[in-house]
């Protein structure tokens, strides 16, 4: 990945996300395939950033395999997690309204 910060890892050339290699603080500046990115919030090691812009329902590919889909539009360099990514294979559980660990 030419012109990409060394704190970001591309696991497979087919991936549309990159992996954060170390904890990054809010306000961190980095380059993603030549584009400057400033993180609005801290991102923990192992989390994903969008390699390029994704539309709602676009498949998210990590390590060459589909891991789920974007639940809304996601900008290049944006954090990909349960707030905007849902698994296509197992339930995605969060504490958000409408999602719970157990049915009451």
C-alpha atoms as a PDB file:
ATOM      1  CA  UNK A   1       0.000   0.000   0.000  1.00  0.00           C
ATOM      2  CA  UNK A   2       1.951   2.916  -1.312  1.00  0.00           C
ATOM      3  CA  UNK A   3       1.891   6.135   0.747  1.00  0.00           C
ATOM      4  CA  UNK A   4       0.150   4.565   3.763  1.00  0.00           C
ATOM      5  CA  UNK A   5       1.075   5.103   7.391  1.00  0.00           C
ATOM      6  CA  UNK A   6       3.008   2.173   8.884  1.00  0.00           C
ATOM      7  CA  UNK A   7       0.482   2.052  11.766  1.00  0.00           C
ATOM      8  CA  UNK A   8      -2.087   0.669   9.306  1.00  0.00           C
ATOM      9  CA  UNK A   9      -1.937  -2.904   7.996  1.00  0.00           C
ATOM     10  CA  UNK A  10      -3.495  -4.204   4.794  1.00  0.00           C
ATOM     11  CA  UNK A  11      -3.989  -7.936   5.308  1.00  0.00           C
ATOM     12  CA  UNK A  12      -4.946  -8.746   1.700  1.00  0.00           C
ATOM     13  CA  UNK A  13      -4.905  -6.676  -1.496  1.00  0.00           C
ATOM     14  CA  UNK A  14      -8.627  -7.482  -1.908  1.00  0.00           C
ATOM     15  CA  UNK A  15      -9.541  -5.919   1.454  1.00  0.00           C
ATOM     16  CA  UNK A  16     -11.552  -2.711   1.654  1.00  0.00           C
ATOM     17  CA  UNK A  17     -10.453  -2.087   5.235  1.00  0.00           C
ATOM     18  CA  UNK A  18      -7.104  -1.735   6.988  1.00  0.00           C
ATOM     19  CA  UNK A  19      -6.201  -2.778  10.515  1.00  0.00           C
ATOM     20  CA  UNK A  20      -4.879  -0.382  13.154  1.00  0.00           C
ATOM     21  CA  UNK A  21      -1.520  -1.770  14.369  1.00  0.00           C
ATOM     22  CA  UNK A  22      -1.334   0.252  17.605  1.00  0.00           C
ATOM     23  CA  UNK A  23      -3.616   2.401  19.728  1.00  0.00           C
ATOM     24  CA  UNK A  24      -4.201   5.733  17.984  1.00  0.00           C
ATOM     25  CA  UNK A  25      -5.257   8.861  19.860  1.00  0.00           C
ATOM     26  CA  UNK A  26      -8.053  11.199  18.853  1.00  0.00           C
ATOM     27  CA  UNK A  27      -6.606  13.815  16.498  1.00  0.00           C
ATOM     28  CA  UNK A  28      -3.910  11.474  15.155  1.00  0.00           C
ATOM     29  CA  UNK A  29      -2.897  12.332  11.595  1.00  0.00           C
ATOM     30  CA  UNK A  30      -1.942   9.605   9.155  1.00  0.00           C
ATOM     31  CA  UNK A  31      -1.935   8.786   5.456  1.00  0.00           C
ATOM     32  CA  UNK A  32      -4.104   6.146   3.873  1.00  0.00           C
ATOM     33  CA  UNK A  33      -3.085   5.398   0.284  1.00  0.00           C
ATOM     34  CA  UNK A  34      -1.901   8.972  -0.138  1.00  0.00           C
ATOM     35  CA  UNK A  35      -4.929  10.647   1.496  1.00  0.00           C
ATOM     36  CA  UNK A  36      -4.466  12.518   4.768  1.00  0.00           C
ATOM     37  CA  UNK A  37      -6.735  11.248   7.563  1.00  0.00           C
ATOM     38  CA  UNK A  38      -7.308  12.859  10.975  1.00  0.00           C
ATOM     39  CA  UNK A  39      -9.002  10.596  13.483  1.00  0.00           C
ATOM     40  CA  UNK A  40     -11.925  12.261  15.289  1.00  0.00           C
ATOM     41  CA  UNK A  41     -11.705   9.737  18.147  1.00  0.00           C
ATOM     42  CA  UNK A  42      -9.257   7.216  19.567  1.00  0.00           C
ATOM     43  CA  UNK A  43      -9.044   3.863  17.763  1.00  0.00           C
ATOM     44  CA  UNK A  44      -7.795   0.741  19.557  1.00  0.00           C
ATOM     45  CA  UNK A  45      -5.284  -1.758  18.196  1.00  0.00           C
ATOM     46  CA  UNK A  46      -6.901  -4.351  15.936  1.00  0.00           C
ATOM     47  CA  UNK A  47      -9.850  -2.211  14.888  1.00  0.00           C
ATOM     48  CA  UNK A  48     -10.642  -1.500  11.243  1.00  0.00           C
ATOM     49  CA  UNK A  49     -10.650   1.669   9.146  1.00  0.00           C
ATOM     50  CA  UNK A  50     -12.365   1.888   5.766  1.00  0.00           C
ATOM     51  CA  UNK A  51      -9.748   1.716   2.986  1.00  0.00           C
ATOM     52  CA  UNK A  52     -12.077   3.713   0.730  1.00  0.00           C
ATOM     53  CA  UNK A  53     -15.620   5.102   0.940  1.00  0.00           C
ATOM     54  CA  UNK A  54     -18.351   2.485   1.347  1.00  0.00           C
ATOM     55  CA  UNK A  55     -22.058   2.821   0.628  1.00  0.00           C
ATOM     56  CA  UNK A  56     -24.750   1.386   2.881  1.00  0.00           C
ATOM     57  CA  UNK A  57     -24.960  -2.399   2.366  1.00  0.00           C
ATOM     58  CA  UNK A  58     -21.509  -2.652   0.739  1.00  0.00           C
ATOM     59  CA  UNK A  59     -19.729  -5.850   1.796  1.00  0.00           C
ATOM     60  CA  UNK A  60     -16.744  -5.350   4.108  1.00  0.00           C
ATOM     61  CA  UNK A  61     -13.771  -7.543   3.160  1.00  0.00           C
ATOM     62  CA  UNK A  62     -11.019  -8.402   5.650  1.00  0.00           C
ATOM     63  CA  UNK A  63      -8.222 -10.898   4.920  1.00  0.00           C
ATOM     64  CA  UNK A  64      -9.826 -11.503   1.536  1.00  0.00           C
ATOM     65  CA  UNK A  65     -13.134 -12.682   3.034  1.00  0.00           C
ATOM     66  CA  UNK A  66     -16.466 -10.927   3.492  1.00  0.00           C
ATOM     67  CA  UNK A  67     -17.012 -10.285   7.206  1.00  0.00           C
ATOM     68  CA  UNK A  68     -20.256  -8.316   6.976  1.00  0.00           C
ATOM     69  CA  UNK A  69     -21.801  -5.211   5.453  1.00  0.00           C
ATOM     70  CA  UNK A  70     -21.821  -1.491   6.127  1.00  0.00           C
ATOM     71  CA  UNK A  71     -25.089  -0.428   7.762  1.00  0.00           C
ATOM     72  CA  UNK A  72     -24.677   3.138   6.478  1.00  0.00           C
ATOM     73  CA  UNK A  73     -22.336   5.145   4.260  1.00  0.00           C
ATOM     74  CA  UNK A  74     -18.751   5.084   5.598  1.00  0.00           C
ATOM     75  CA  UNK A  75     -16.069   7.591   4.605  1.00  0.00           C
ATOM     76  CA  UNK A  76     -12.521   6.614   3.650  1.00  0.00           C
ATOM     77  CA  UNK A  77     -10.501   6.319   6.868  1.00  0.00           C
ATOM     78  CA  UNK A  78     -13.574   6.051   9.099  1.00  0.00           C
ATOM     79  CA  UNK A  79     -13.634   3.563  11.975  1.00  0.00           C
ATOM     80  CA  UNK A  80     -15.495   0.352  11.042  1.00  0.00           C
ATOM     81  CA  UNK A  81     -17.144  -1.285  14.036  1.00  0.00           C
ATOM     82  CA  UNK A  82     -20.577  -2.258  15.382  1.00  0.00           C
ATOM     83  CA  UNK A  83     -21.923   1.292  14.937  1.00  0.00           C
ATOM     84  CA  UNK A  84     -21.661   1.003  11.127  1.00  0.00           C
ATOM     85  CA  UNK A  85     -20.841  -2.663  10.403  1.00  0.00           C
ATOM     86  CA  UNK A  86     -22.970  -5.748  10.866  1.00  0.00           C
ATOM     87  CA  UNK A  87     -21.962  -9.376  10.473  1.00  0.00           C
ATOM     88  CA  UNK A  88     -23.707 -11.351   7.756  1.00  0.00           C
ATOM     89  CA  UNK A  89     -23.036 -14.603   9.629  1.00  0.00           C
ATOM     90  CA  UNK A  90     -23.612 -14.161  13.356  1.00  0.00           C
ATOM     91  CA  UNK A  91     -25.802 -11.755  15.323  1.00  0.00           C
ATOM     92  CA  UNK A  92     -24.159  -8.413  16.082  1.00  0.00           C
ATOM     93  CA  UNK A  93     -24.846  -7.549  19.714  1.00  0.00           C
ATOM     94  CA  UNK A  94     -24.499  -4.077  21.132  1.00  0.00           C
ATOM     95  CA  UNK A  95     -26.081  -2.030  23.880  1.00  0.00           C
ATOM     96  CA  UNK A  96     -27.738   0.221  21.288  1.00  0.00           C
ATOM     97  CA  UNK A  97     -31.521   0.612  21.151  1.00  0.00           C
ATOM     98  CA  UNK A  98     -33.115  -2.280  19.323  1.00  0.00           C
ATOM     99  CA  UNK A  99     -30.157  -4.620  19.891  1.00  0.00           C
ATOM    100  CA  UNK A 100     -29.773  -6.670  23.046  1.00  0.00           C
ATOM    101  CA  UNK A 101     -27.948  -9.707  24.341  1.00  0.00           C
ATOM    102  CA  UNK A 102     -31.119 -11.419  25.567  1.00  0.00           C
ATOM    103  CA  UNK A 103     -34.731 -11.138  24.562  1.00  0.00           C
ATOM    104  CA  UNK A 104     -36.995  -9.926  27.378  1.00  0.00           C
END
